[in-house]
């Protein structure tokens, strides 16, 4: 049987939550990492049978997907990580879309021309406001949907980790989120992956970003 294949740039970016789920479920897959840039990707872009050729892409037998959220939903359904009932599924849907916005807020900021002059205000105002909403949304639950882990937990974990890299003390002010971050990080399958040569902690964004796009990883990474 041919192994599933995940294709993405050789960085964390949008694909890391997909990798987390595959490792969490002990899936034997090919993690195809293209050097950042167009050359290697262009050679195969239109040869894979994708409806909308792009990365990340995920090929699992006859199933060929692009778009991060579509891939995550597929894996959530396949591996029973998409909620137990309608109430959970609604929470997952909200968390999924909010997680996309959560990530995009940071990605857009680190690509702004006024990054340096605007950073203090972003750290003091924008980040805490978002974290307060996530802290309230999680509440006393073990995971975002309830007592069972779902695919959105890996999305939000990764976003929290991006913000932790950007602002090392941010989680200290939000104990519920800090405990959630630790809970996901400390899953045995996650620990195995995070401590393996397969995991690349840096960079988190592409080379154009003013933070997370290259150079040395922060000391607290």
N, C-alpha and C. Protein backbone atom coordinates (compact mmCIF):
# COMPACT_ATOMS: atom_id res chain seq x y z
N UNK A 1 0.84 -1.20 0.00
CA UNK A 1 0.00 0.00 0.00
C UNK A 1 0.87 1.25 0.00
N UNK A 2 0.53 2.20 -0.83
CA UNK A 2 1.28 3.45 -0.91
C UNK A 2 0.96 4.32 0.30
N UNK A 3 1.99 4.88 0.89
CA UNK A 3 1.81 5.72 2.06
C UNK A 3 1.16 7.05 1.68
N UNK A 4 0.35 7.61 2.56
CA UNK A 4 -0.15 8.97 2.33
C UNK A 4 1.02 9.94 2.23
N UNK A 5 0.83 11.02 1.48
CA UNK A 5 1.88 12.02 1.31
C UNK A 5 1.35 13.40 1.66
N UNK A 6 2.11 14.09 2.50
CA UNK A 6 1.85 15.49 2.80
C UNK A 6 2.93 16.31 2.12
N UNK A 7 2.54 17.28 1.33
CA UNK A 7 3.50 18.15 0.65
C UNK A 7 3.40 19.57 1.15
N UNK A 8 4.55 20.14 1.52
CA UNK A 8 4.59 21.53 1.99
C UNK A 8 6.02 22.02 1.93
N UNK A 9 6.18 23.33 2.17
CA UNK A 9 7.53 23.89 2.28
C UNK A 9 8.27 23.27 3.47
N UNK A 10 9.57 23.45 3.48
CA UNK A 10 10.39 22.93 4.56
C UNK A 10 10.39 23.91 5.75
N UNK A 11 9.21 24.10 6.30
CA UNK A 11 9.02 24.96 7.47
C UNK A 11 7.69 24.57 8.11
N UNK A 12 7.40 25.15 9.28
CA UNK A 12 6.18 24.78 9.97
C UNK A 12 4.94 25.33 9.27
N UNK A 13 4.85 26.64 9.19
CA UNK A 13 3.79 27.27 8.42
C UNK A 13 2.40 26.73 8.67
N UNK A 14 1.67 26.49 7.59
CA UNK A 14 0.29 26.03 7.69
C UNK A 14 0.16 24.52 7.86
N UNK A 15 1.24 23.79 7.64
CA UNK A 15 1.15 22.34 7.58
C UNK A 15 1.37 21.64 8.92
N UNK A 16 1.93 22.33 9.89
CA UNK A 16 2.34 21.64 11.11
C UNK A 16 1.18 20.98 11.86
N UNK A 17 0.00 21.60 11.97
CA UNK A 17 -1.10 20.88 12.64
C UNK A 17 -1.46 19.58 11.93
N UNK A 18 -1.30 19.54 10.62
CA UNK A 18 -1.55 18.30 9.88
C UNK A 18 -0.53 17.25 10.31
N UNK A 19 0.73 17.66 10.38
CA UNK A 19 1.78 16.73 10.83
C UNK A 19 1.49 16.23 12.24
N UNK A 20 1.06 17.13 13.11
CA UNK A 20 0.76 16.73 14.49
C UNK A 20 -0.28 15.61 14.52
N UNK A 21 -1.35 15.78 13.76
CA UNK A 21 -2.41 14.78 13.77
C UNK A 21 -1.90 13.44 13.24
N UNK A 22 -1.14 13.48 12.16
CA UNK A 22 -0.62 12.24 11.59
C UNK A 22 0.30 11.52 12.56
N UNK A 23 1.12 12.27 13.26
CA UNK A 23 1.99 11.64 14.26
C UNK A 23 1.18 11.18 15.48
N UNK A 24 0.19 11.96 15.87
CA UNK A 24 -0.66 11.58 17.00
C UNK A 24 -1.36 10.26 16.74
N UNK A 25 -1.77 10.04 15.50
CA UNK A 25 -2.46 8.79 15.13
C UNK A 25 -1.50 7.73 14.61
N UNK A 26 -0.20 7.99 14.73
CA UNK A 26 0.83 7.01 14.32
C UNK A 26 0.68 6.59 12.86
N UNK A 27 0.38 7.54 12.01
CA UNK A 27 0.23 7.27 10.58
C UNK A 27 1.61 7.25 9.93
N UNK A 28 1.88 6.22 9.17
CA UNK A 28 3.12 6.13 8.40
C UNK A 28 2.90 6.91 7.10
N UNK A 29 3.51 8.08 7.00
CA UNK A 29 3.27 8.93 5.84
C UNK A 29 4.58 9.53 5.34
N UNK A 30 4.56 9.98 4.09
CA UNK A 30 5.71 10.69 3.54
C UNK A 30 5.52 12.18 3.76
N UNK A 31 6.47 12.79 4.44
CA UNK A 31 6.43 14.22 4.70
C UNK A 31 7.33 14.90 3.67
N UNK A 32 6.74 15.23 2.53
CA UNK A 32 7.49 15.82 1.42
C UNK A 32 7.68 17.31 1.67
N UNK A 33 8.93 17.71 1.93
CA UNK A 33 9.24 19.10 2.26
C UNK A 33 10.01 19.74 1.11
N UNK A 34 9.37 20.69 0.46
CA UNK A 34 10.00 21.38 -0.66
C UNK A 34 10.83 22.55 -0.14
N UNK A 35 12.03 22.76 -0.67
CA UNK A 35 12.79 23.97 -0.32
C UNK A 35 11.95 25.19 -0.65
N UNK A 36 11.97 26.19 0.24
CA UNK A 36 11.12 27.36 0.01
C UNK A 36 11.53 28.07 -1.28
N UNK A 37 10.55 28.35 -2.10
CA UNK A 37 10.78 28.92 -3.42
C UNK A 37 9.97 28.13 -4.43
N UNK A 38 9.95 28.55 -5.65
CA UNK A 38 9.05 27.95 -6.63
C UNK A 38 9.65 26.79 -7.43
N UNK A 39 10.96 26.71 -7.54
CA UNK A 39 11.55 25.82 -8.53
C UNK A 39 11.17 24.35 -8.35
N UNK A 40 11.46 23.77 -7.18
CA UNK A 40 11.18 22.35 -6.97
C UNK A 40 9.68 22.07 -7.01
N UNK A 41 8.91 22.95 -6.42
CA UNK A 41 7.47 22.76 -6.40
C UNK A 41 6.89 22.87 -7.80
N UNK A 42 7.37 23.80 -8.60
CA UNK A 42 6.84 23.98 -9.96
C UNK A 42 7.02 22.73 -10.82
N UNK A 43 8.07 21.98 -10.57
CA UNK A 43 8.34 20.80 -11.37
C UNK A 43 7.24 19.75 -11.24
N UNK A 44 6.58 19.72 -10.09
CA UNK A 44 5.58 18.67 -9.85
C UNK A 44 4.17 19.22 -9.68
N UNK A 45 4.03 20.53 -9.64
CA UNK A 45 2.77 21.18 -9.27
C UNK A 45 1.57 20.65 -10.05
N UNK A 46 1.73 20.46 -11.34
CA UNK A 46 0.59 20.06 -12.17
C UNK A 46 0.65 18.59 -12.58
N UNK A 47 1.40 17.80 -11.83
CA UNK A 47 1.53 16.38 -12.15
C UNK A 47 0.87 15.48 -11.11
N UNK A 48 0.31 16.06 -10.06
CA UNK A 48 -0.17 15.27 -8.92
C UNK A 48 -1.66 14.97 -8.95
N UNK A 49 -2.35 15.50 -9.93
CA UNK A 49 -3.78 15.23 -10.02
C UNK A 49 -4.63 16.02 -9.04
N UNK A 50 -4.11 17.17 -8.59
CA UNK A 50 -4.84 18.00 -7.64
C UNK A 50 -5.82 18.91 -8.39
N UNK A 51 -7.01 19.07 -7.85
CA UNK A 51 -7.99 19.96 -8.48
C UNK A 51 -7.51 21.41 -8.49
N UNK A 52 -6.93 21.82 -7.39
CA UNK A 52 -6.40 23.18 -7.25
C UNK A 52 -4.96 23.08 -6.76
N UNK A 53 -4.01 22.87 -7.67
CA UNK A 53 -2.63 22.62 -7.26
C UNK A 53 -2.08 23.70 -6.33
N UNK A 54 -1.67 23.27 -5.15
CA UNK A 54 -1.17 24.19 -4.15
C UNK A 54 -0.54 23.38 -3.03
N UNK A 55 0.06 24.09 -2.09
CA UNK A 55 0.54 23.44 -0.88
C UNK A 55 0.03 24.21 0.33
N UNK A 56 -0.27 23.51 1.42
CA UNK A 56 -0.09 22.07 1.59
C UNK A 56 -1.07 21.27 0.73
N UNK A 57 -0.62 20.07 0.37
CA UNK A 57 -1.51 19.12 -0.25
C UNK A 57 -1.35 17.78 0.45
N UNK A 58 -2.40 16.98 0.38
CA UNK A 58 -2.38 15.68 1.05
C UNK A 58 -2.98 14.66 0.10
N UNK A 59 -2.23 13.60 -0.14
CA UNK A 59 -2.67 12.55 -1.05
C UNK A 59 -2.75 11.25 -0.27
N UNK A 60 -3.96 10.68 -0.22
CA UNK A 60 -4.22 9.45 0.52
C UNK A 60 -5.01 8.52 -0.39
N UNK A 61 -4.28 7.71 -1.15
CA UNK A 61 -4.94 6.88 -2.14
C UNK A 61 -5.59 7.73 -3.21
N UNK A 62 -6.89 7.55 -3.41
CA UNK A 62 -7.61 8.33 -4.41
C UNK A 62 -8.02 9.70 -3.91
N UNK A 63 -7.83 9.95 -2.64
CA UNK A 63 -8.17 11.25 -2.06
C UNK A 63 -7.01 12.21 -2.23
N UNK A 64 -7.26 13.30 -2.93
CA UNK A 64 -6.20 14.28 -3.19
C UNK A 64 -6.73 15.66 -2.83
N UNK A 65 -6.16 16.24 -1.79
CA UNK A 65 -6.69 17.48 -1.23
C UNK A 65 -5.66 18.59 -1.18
N UNK A 66 -6.13 19.80 -1.36
CA UNK A 66 -5.36 20.99 -1.01
C UNK A 66 -6.23 21.79 -0.02
N UNK A 67 -5.63 22.88 0.51
CA UNK A 67 -6.25 23.73 1.51
C UNK A 67 -6.13 23.09 2.90
N UNK A 68 -5.47 23.81 3.78
CA UNK A 68 -5.16 23.31 5.12
C UNK A 68 -6.40 22.82 5.86
N UNK A 69 -7.43 23.65 5.91
CA UNK A 69 -8.61 23.29 6.69
C UNK A 69 -9.31 22.07 6.09
N UNK A 70 -9.35 21.97 4.77
CA UNK A 70 -9.96 20.80 4.14
C UNK A 70 -9.22 19.52 4.53
N UNK A 71 -7.91 19.59 4.56
CA UNK A 71 -7.10 18.43 4.96
C UNK A 71 -7.34 18.08 6.42
N UNK A 72 -7.38 19.10 7.28
CA UNK A 72 -7.62 18.86 8.70
C UNK A 72 -9.00 18.26 8.94
N UNK A 73 -10.00 18.74 8.23
CA UNK A 73 -11.34 18.17 8.37
C UNK A 73 -11.37 16.72 7.91
N UNK A 74 -10.69 16.44 6.82
CA UNK A 74 -10.62 15.07 6.32
C UNK A 74 -10.00 14.14 7.35
N UNK A 75 -8.87 14.56 7.92
CA UNK A 75 -8.20 13.74 8.93
C UNK A 75 -9.05 13.63 10.19
N UNK A 76 -9.73 14.72 10.54
CA UNK A 76 -10.61 14.67 11.70
C UNK A 76 -11.70 13.62 11.54
N UNK A 77 -12.29 13.57 10.35
CA UNK A 77 -13.31 12.57 10.09
C UNK A 77 -12.76 11.16 10.03
N UNK A 78 -11.63 11.01 9.39
CA UNK A 78 -11.04 9.68 9.21
C UNK A 78 -10.60 9.07 10.53
N UNK A 79 -10.08 9.91 11.43
CA UNK A 79 -9.51 9.39 12.67
C UNK A 79 -10.35 9.73 13.90
N UNK A 80 -11.63 10.02 13.68
CA UNK A 80 -12.57 10.25 14.79
C UNK A 80 -12.10 11.39 15.69
N UNK A 81 -11.70 12.47 15.06
CA UNK A 81 -11.24 13.65 15.79
C UNK A 81 -12.10 14.87 15.43
N UNK A 82 -13.37 14.61 15.12
CA UNK A 82 -14.23 15.70 14.66
C UNK A 82 -15.48 15.90 15.52
N UNK A 83 -15.42 15.45 16.78
CA UNK A 83 -16.51 15.71 17.71
C UNK A 83 -17.48 14.56 17.87
N UNK A 84 -18.04 14.45 19.08
CA UNK A 84 -18.93 13.34 19.39
C UNK A 84 -20.40 13.63 19.10
N UNK A 85 -20.77 14.90 19.13
CA UNK A 85 -22.18 15.25 18.94
C UNK A 85 -22.26 16.63 18.29
N UNK A 86 -23.49 17.07 18.05
CA UNK A 86 -23.69 18.33 17.34
C UNK A 86 -23.14 19.52 18.12
N UNK A 87 -23.27 19.49 19.42
CA UNK A 87 -22.76 20.59 20.24
C UNK A 87 -21.25 20.71 20.09
N UNK A 88 -20.56 19.57 20.14
CA UNK A 88 -19.11 19.59 19.96
C UNK A 88 -18.74 20.04 18.55
N UNK A 89 -19.47 19.57 17.57
CA UNK A 89 -19.15 19.93 16.19
C UNK A 89 -19.31 21.43 15.96
N UNK A 90 -20.27 22.05 16.62
CA UNK A 90 -20.43 23.49 16.50
C UNK A 90 -19.26 24.23 17.13
N UNK A 91 -18.82 23.77 18.30
CA UNK A 91 -17.65 24.39 18.94
C UNK A 91 -16.41 24.21 18.07
N UNK A 92 -16.28 23.05 17.47
CA UNK A 92 -15.14 22.79 16.59
C UNK A 92 -15.17 23.74 15.40
N UNK A 93 -16.35 23.93 14.82
CA UNK A 93 -16.48 24.81 13.66
C UNK A 93 -16.09 26.24 14.00
N UNK A 94 -16.55 26.72 15.16
CA UNK A 94 -16.19 28.07 15.59
C UNK A 94 -14.69 28.17 15.84
N UNK A 95 -14.15 27.20 16.58
CA UNK A 95 -12.72 27.23 16.92
C UNK A 95 -11.85 27.12 15.68
N UNK A 96 -12.29 26.34 14.72
CA UNK A 96 -11.54 26.18 13.47
C UNK A 96 -11.38 27.51 12.75
N UNK A 97 -12.50 28.19 12.55
CA UNK A 97 -12.45 29.45 11.82
C UNK A 97 -11.75 30.55 12.61
N UNK A 98 -11.97 30.56 13.92
CA UNK A 98 -11.29 31.55 14.75
C UNK A 98 -9.79 31.29 14.79
N UNK A 99 -9.41 30.02 14.73
CA UNK A 99 -7.99 29.66 14.72
C UNK A 99 -7.31 30.16 13.46
N UNK A 100 -8.02 30.10 12.34
CA UNK A 100 -7.47 30.63 11.09
C UNK A 100 -7.20 32.12 11.24
N UNK A 101 -8.16 32.84 11.80
CA UNK A 101 -7.98 34.28 12.03
C UNK A 101 -6.85 34.55 13.01
N UNK A 102 -6.77 33.73 14.03
CA UNK A 102 -5.74 33.86 15.08
C UNK A 102 -4.35 33.78 14.46
N UNK A 103 -4.16 32.81 13.59
CA UNK A 103 -2.88 32.65 12.93
C UNK A 103 -2.61 33.81 11.97
N UNK A 104 -3.63 34.17 11.20
CA UNK A 104 -3.45 35.22 10.20
C UNK A 104 -3.11 36.57 10.83
N UNK A 105 -3.60 36.82 12.02
CA UNK A 105 -3.29 38.07 12.70
C UNK A 105 -1.79 38.20 12.91
N UNK A 106 -1.16 37.13 13.36
CA UNK A 106 0.29 37.16 13.57
C UNK A 106 1.03 37.17 12.24
N UNK A 107 0.61 36.32 11.31
CA UNK A 107 1.30 36.25 10.02
C UNK A 107 1.29 37.61 9.32
N UNK A 108 0.14 38.25 9.31
CA UNK A 108 0.05 39.56 8.66
C UNK A 108 0.90 40.60 9.38
N UNK A 109 0.92 40.52 10.71
CA UNK A 109 1.68 41.52 11.46
C UNK A 109 3.18 41.40 11.18
N UNK A 110 3.70 40.19 11.15
CA UNK A 110 5.15 40.04 10.96
C UNK A 110 5.57 40.33 9.52
N UNK A 111 4.62 40.60 8.66
CA UNK A 111 4.93 41.02 7.29
C UNK A 111 4.64 42.50 7.04
N UNK A 112 4.26 43.22 8.08
CA UNK A 112 3.96 44.64 7.93
C UNK A 112 5.22 45.47 7.77
N UNK A 113 5.12 46.53 7.00
CA UNK A 113 6.27 47.42 6.81
C UNK A 113 6.61 48.19 8.08
N UNK A 114 5.61 48.39 8.95
CA UNK A 114 5.85 49.12 10.20
C UNK A 114 6.00 48.18 11.39
N UNK A 115 6.48 46.98 11.12
CA UNK A 115 6.61 45.95 12.15
C UNK A 115 7.32 46.47 13.40
N UNK A 116 8.47 47.08 13.24
CA UNK A 116 9.27 47.51 14.39
C UNK A 116 8.56 48.56 15.23
N UNK A 117 7.99 49.55 14.59
CA UNK A 117 7.35 50.64 15.34
C UNK A 117 6.02 50.22 15.95
N UNK A 118 5.37 49.22 15.37
CA UNK A 118 4.05 48.80 15.85
C UNK A 118 4.10 47.63 16.83
N UNK A 119 5.28 47.05 17.02
CA UNK A 119 5.38 45.82 17.80
C UNK A 119 4.91 46.00 19.24
N UNK A 120 5.32 47.06 19.91
CA UNK A 120 4.96 47.25 21.31
C UNK A 120 3.44 47.28 21.50
N UNK A 121 2.76 48.00 20.65
CA UNK A 121 1.30 48.08 20.75
C UNK A 121 0.65 46.73 20.47
N UNK A 122 1.19 46.01 19.51
CA UNK A 122 0.67 44.68 19.18
C UNK A 122 0.80 43.74 20.38
N UNK A 123 1.94 43.80 21.05
CA UNK A 123 2.20 42.94 22.21
C UNK A 123 1.33 43.34 23.40
N UNK A 124 1.16 44.63 23.61
CA UNK A 124 0.45 45.11 24.80
C UNK A 124 -1.06 45.04 24.66
N UNK A 125 -1.56 45.16 23.44
CA UNK A 125 -3.01 45.29 23.25
C UNK A 125 -3.63 44.15 22.44
N UNK A 126 -3.13 43.95 21.23
CA UNK A 126 -3.77 42.99 20.32
C UNK A 126 -3.66 41.56 20.82
N UNK A 127 -2.46 41.14 21.20
CA UNK A 127 -2.28 39.75 21.63
C UNK A 127 -3.08 39.44 22.88
N UNK A 128 -2.98 40.22 23.96
CA UNK A 128 -3.77 39.90 25.16
C UNK A 128 -5.27 39.84 24.91
N UNK A 129 -5.78 40.71 24.05
CA UNK A 129 -7.22 40.70 23.75
C UNK A 129 -7.64 39.37 23.13
N UNK A 130 -6.84 38.84 22.21
CA UNK A 130 -7.15 37.56 21.59
C UNK A 130 -7.02 36.42 22.59
N UNK A 131 -5.98 36.45 23.39
CA UNK A 131 -5.77 35.39 24.37
C UNK A 131 -6.88 35.36 25.41
N UNK A 132 -7.39 36.50 25.80
CA UNK A 132 -8.50 36.55 26.75
C UNK A 132 -9.72 35.83 26.20
N UNK A 133 -10.01 36.01 24.93
CA UNK A 133 -11.16 35.34 24.32
C UNK A 133 -10.95 33.83 24.26
N UNK A 134 -9.75 33.41 23.91
CA UNK A 134 -9.46 31.97 23.86
C UNK A 134 -9.50 31.36 25.26
N UNK A 135 -9.01 32.07 26.25
CA UNK A 135 -9.04 31.59 27.63
C UNK A 135 -10.49 31.36 28.08
N UNK A 136 -11.34 32.30 27.74
CA UNK A 136 -12.76 32.18 28.10
C UNK A 136 -13.42 31.05 27.32
N UNK A 137 -13.10 30.92 26.05
CA UNK A 137 -13.71 29.87 25.21
C UNK A 137 -13.34 28.49 25.73
N UNK A 138 -12.09 28.29 26.10
CA UNK A 138 -11.66 26.99 26.63
C UNK A 138 -12.30 26.73 27.98
N UNK A 139 -12.33 27.74 28.84
CA UNK A 139 -12.96 27.60 30.15
C UNK A 139 -12.38 26.44 30.95
N UNK A 140 -13.25 25.64 31.54
CA UNK A 140 -12.80 24.52 32.36
C UNK A 140 -12.69 23.22 31.61
N UNK A 141 -12.76 23.28 30.29
CA UNK A 141 -12.69 22.05 29.49
C UNK A 141 -11.25 21.56 29.36
N UNK A 142 -11.12 20.27 29.21
CA UNK A 142 -9.79 19.69 28.99
C UNK A 142 -9.29 20.04 27.60
N UNK A 143 -10.18 19.93 26.62
CA UNK A 143 -9.86 20.28 25.24
C UNK A 143 -10.93 21.25 24.73
N UNK A 144 -10.76 21.77 23.55
CA UNK A 144 -11.63 22.84 23.07
C UNK A 144 -13.08 22.42 22.90
N UNK A 145 -13.31 21.16 22.54
CA UNK A 145 -14.68 20.69 22.36
C UNK A 145 -15.24 20.03 23.60
N UNK A 146 -14.38 19.64 24.52
CA UNK A 146 -14.82 18.93 25.72
C UNK A 146 -13.70 18.07 26.28
N UNK A 147 -14.05 16.85 26.70
CA UNK A 147 -13.06 15.96 27.30
C UNK A 147 -12.27 15.17 26.27
N UNK A 148 -12.69 15.18 25.02
CA UNK A 148 -12.02 14.42 23.97
C UNK A 148 -11.27 15.35 23.02
N UNK A 149 -10.12 14.90 22.60
CA UNK A 149 -9.28 15.69 21.70
C UNK A 149 -9.86 15.68 20.28
N UNK A 150 -9.75 16.82 19.60
CA UNK A 150 -10.22 16.92 18.22
C UNK A 150 -9.17 17.65 17.38
N UNK A 151 -9.40 17.69 16.09
CA UNK A 151 -8.38 18.26 15.21
C UNK A 151 -8.11 19.73 15.48
N UNK A 152 -9.10 20.47 15.99
CA UNK A 152 -8.87 21.90 16.24
C UNK A 152 -7.91 22.13 17.40
N UNK A 153 -7.78 21.16 18.29
CA UNK A 153 -6.82 21.31 19.39
C UNK A 153 -5.40 21.46 18.86
N UNK A 154 -5.09 20.75 17.79
CA UNK A 154 -3.75 20.84 17.21
C UNK A 154 -3.57 22.15 16.46
N UNK A 155 -4.63 22.67 15.88
CA UNK A 155 -4.56 23.98 15.23
C UNK A 155 -4.26 25.07 16.26
N UNK A 156 -5.01 25.07 17.35
CA UNK A 156 -4.86 26.12 18.35
C UNK A 156 -3.55 25.96 19.11
N UNK A 157 -3.15 24.72 19.38
CA UNK A 157 -1.85 24.51 20.01
C UNK A 157 -0.74 25.17 19.19
N UNK A 158 -0.76 24.94 17.90
CA UNK A 158 0.30 25.48 17.04
C UNK A 158 0.27 27.01 17.05
N UNK A 159 -0.92 27.58 17.01
CA UNK A 159 -1.01 29.04 17.06
C UNK A 159 -0.48 29.59 18.38
N UNK A 160 -0.84 28.95 19.47
CA UNK A 160 -0.32 29.38 20.77
C UNK A 160 1.20 29.28 20.80
N UNK A 161 1.73 28.25 20.17
CA UNK A 161 3.18 28.10 20.16
C UNK A 161 3.85 29.18 19.31
N UNK A 162 3.22 29.55 18.21
CA UNK A 162 3.74 30.66 17.40
C UNK A 162 3.79 31.95 18.22
N UNK A 163 2.71 32.23 18.93
CA UNK A 163 2.68 33.44 19.75
C UNK A 163 3.67 33.35 20.91
N UNK A 164 3.85 32.16 21.45
CA UNK A 164 4.85 31.97 22.50
C UNK A 164 6.25 32.27 21.98
N UNK A 165 6.54 31.86 20.77
CA UNK A 165 7.84 32.16 20.17
C UNK A 165 8.01 33.66 19.97
N UNK A 166 6.92 34.31 19.58
CA UNK A 166 6.96 35.76 19.34
C UNK A 166 7.04 36.56 20.64
N UNK A 167 6.33 36.10 21.65
CA UNK A 167 6.22 36.81 22.93
C UNK A 167 6.38 35.77 24.05
N UNK A 168 7.60 35.52 24.52
CA UNK A 168 7.89 34.37 25.37
C UNK A 168 7.10 34.27 26.67
N UNK A 169 6.61 35.36 27.20
CA UNK A 169 5.91 35.32 28.49
C UNK A 169 4.39 35.37 28.37
N UNK A 170 3.87 35.39 27.15
CA UNK A 170 2.44 35.58 26.98
C UNK A 170 1.61 34.52 27.68
N UNK A 171 2.01 33.27 27.64
CA UNK A 171 1.21 32.21 28.26
C UNK A 171 1.20 32.30 29.78
N UNK A 172 2.18 32.96 30.36
CA UNK A 172 2.22 33.10 31.82
C UNK A 172 1.02 33.89 32.33
N UNK A 173 0.47 34.74 31.51
CA UNK A 173 -0.68 35.56 31.92
C UNK A 173 -2.02 34.87 31.69
N UNK A 174 -1.99 33.68 31.10
CA UNK A 174 -3.22 32.97 30.77
C UNK A 174 -3.06 31.50 31.17
N UNK A 175 -3.24 31.20 32.46
CA UNK A 175 -2.94 29.86 32.97
C UNK A 175 -3.75 28.73 32.33
N UNK A 176 -4.99 29.02 31.94
CA UNK A 176 -5.80 27.98 31.30
C UNK A 176 -5.22 27.60 29.95
N UNK A 177 -4.83 28.60 29.17
CA UNK A 177 -4.21 28.32 27.87
C UNK A 177 -2.84 27.69 28.04
N UNK A 178 -2.11 28.12 29.05
CA UNK A 178 -0.79 27.54 29.29
C UNK A 178 -0.90 26.06 29.61
N UNK A 179 -1.89 25.70 30.43
CA UNK A 179 -2.09 24.29 30.76
C UNK A 179 -2.53 23.50 29.54
N UNK A 180 -3.38 24.10 28.71
CA UNK A 180 -3.82 23.44 27.48
C UNK A 180 -2.64 23.21 26.55
N UNK A 181 -1.81 24.22 26.37
CA UNK A 181 -0.61 24.11 25.52
C UNK A 181 0.28 22.98 26.02
N UNK A 182 0.48 22.91 27.31
CA UNK A 182 1.32 21.87 27.89
C UNK A 182 0.68 20.49 27.71
N UNK A 183 -0.64 20.44 27.84
CA UNK A 183 -1.37 19.17 27.73
C UNK A 183 -1.20 18.56 26.33
N UNK A 184 -1.30 19.40 25.31
CA UNK A 184 -1.11 18.90 23.95
C UNK A 184 0.35 18.55 23.71
N UNK A 185 1.24 19.43 24.12
CA UNK A 185 2.68 19.21 23.93
C UNK A 185 3.14 17.92 24.58
N UNK A 186 2.57 17.58 25.73
CA UNK A 186 3.04 16.43 26.50
C UNK A 186 2.38 15.11 26.12
N UNK A 187 1.50 15.11 25.15
CA UNK A 187 0.98 13.84 24.66
C UNK A 187 2.15 12.97 24.21
N UNK A 188 2.17 11.69 24.56
CA UNK A 188 3.33 10.84 24.22
C UNK A 188 3.70 10.88 22.74
N UNK A 189 2.69 10.84 21.87
CA UNK A 189 2.98 10.86 20.44
C UNK A 189 3.58 12.20 20.01
N UNK A 190 3.11 13.27 20.64
CA UNK A 190 3.66 14.60 20.34
C UNK A 190 5.10 14.70 20.82
N UNK A 191 5.36 14.20 22.01
CA UNK A 191 6.72 14.25 22.53
C UNK A 191 7.68 13.47 21.64
N UNK A 192 7.21 12.33 21.17
CA UNK A 192 8.05 11.53 20.28
C UNK A 192 8.40 12.31 19.02
N UNK A 193 7.41 12.99 18.45
CA UNK A 193 7.64 13.77 17.24
C UNK A 193 8.48 15.01 17.52
N UNK A 194 8.13 15.76 18.55
CA UNK A 194 8.82 17.02 18.84
C UNK A 194 10.29 16.80 19.18
N UNK A 195 10.62 15.62 19.66
CA UNK A 195 12.00 15.32 20.01
C UNK A 195 12.72 14.50 18.94
N UNK A 196 12.11 14.40 17.78
CA UNK A 196 12.71 13.64 16.69
C UNK A 196 13.37 14.57 15.68
N UNK A 197 14.15 13.99 14.80
CA UNK A 197 14.80 14.77 13.74
C UNK A 197 13.80 15.23 12.68
N UNK A 198 12.60 14.66 12.69
CA UNK A 198 11.58 15.04 11.71
C UNK A 198 10.98 16.40 12.01
N UNK A 199 10.99 16.79 13.29
CA UNK A 199 10.39 18.07 13.68
C UNK A 199 11.38 19.20 13.46
N UNK A 200 10.91 20.24 12.81
CA UNK A 200 11.72 21.43 12.58
C UNK A 200 11.05 22.60 13.29
N UNK A 201 11.64 23.04 14.38
CA UNK A 201 10.99 24.07 15.20
C UNK A 201 11.07 25.47 14.58
N UNK A 202 11.96 25.66 13.63
CA UNK A 202 12.18 26.97 13.03
C UNK A 202 12.64 26.79 11.60
N UNK A 203 12.19 27.61 10.65
CA UNK A 203 11.32 28.77 10.77
C UNK A 203 9.84 28.40 10.84
N UNK A 204 9.04 29.38 11.24
CA UNK A 204 7.60 29.16 11.30
C UNK A 204 6.87 29.83 10.13
N UNK A 205 7.49 30.84 9.54
CA UNK A 205 6.92 31.54 8.39
C UNK A 205 7.92 31.52 7.24
N UNK A 206 7.53 32.10 6.12
CA UNK A 206 8.44 32.13 4.99
C UNK A 206 9.52 33.20 5.17
N UNK A 207 10.47 33.20 4.27
CA UNK A 207 11.67 34.02 4.44
C UNK A 207 11.41 35.52 4.39
N UNK A 208 10.25 35.93 3.91
CA UNK A 208 9.94 37.36 3.83
C UNK A 208 9.50 37.96 5.16
N UNK A 209 9.12 37.12 6.10
CA UNK A 209 8.60 37.60 7.38
C UNK A 209 9.69 38.28 8.20
N UNK A 210 9.30 39.30 8.92
CA UNK A 210 10.26 40.04 9.76
C UNK A 210 10.49 39.35 11.09
N UNK A 211 9.69 38.35 11.38
CA UNK A 211 9.91 37.46 12.52
C UNK A 211 9.47 36.07 12.09
N UNK A 212 10.27 35.08 12.46
CA UNK A 212 9.88 33.71 12.19
C UNK A 212 10.22 33.20 10.82
N UNK A 213 10.90 34.02 10.02
CA UNK A 213 11.17 33.61 8.65
C UNK A 213 12.57 33.11 8.38
N UNK A 214 13.40 33.09 9.39
CA UNK A 214 14.77 32.63 9.19
C UNK A 214 15.67 33.10 10.31
N UNK A 215 16.95 32.97 10.10
CA UNK A 215 17.91 33.33 11.13
C UNK A 215 17.88 32.34 12.28
N UNK A 216 18.40 32.75 13.41
CA UNK A 216 18.44 31.87 14.58
C UNK A 216 17.08 31.84 15.27
N UNK A 217 16.70 30.67 15.73
CA UNK A 217 15.47 30.56 16.51
C UNK A 217 15.66 31.26 17.85
N UNK A 218 14.60 31.79 18.44
CA UNK A 218 14.73 32.40 19.77
C UNK A 218 15.27 31.40 20.79
N UNK A 219 15.94 31.90 21.80
CA UNK A 219 16.53 31.02 22.81
C UNK A 219 15.47 30.20 23.54
N UNK A 220 14.27 30.74 23.65
CA UNK A 220 13.20 30.04 24.37
C UNK A 220 12.42 29.09 23.47
N UNK A 221 12.84 28.93 22.21
CA UNK A 221 12.09 28.10 21.26
C UNK A 221 12.01 26.65 21.74
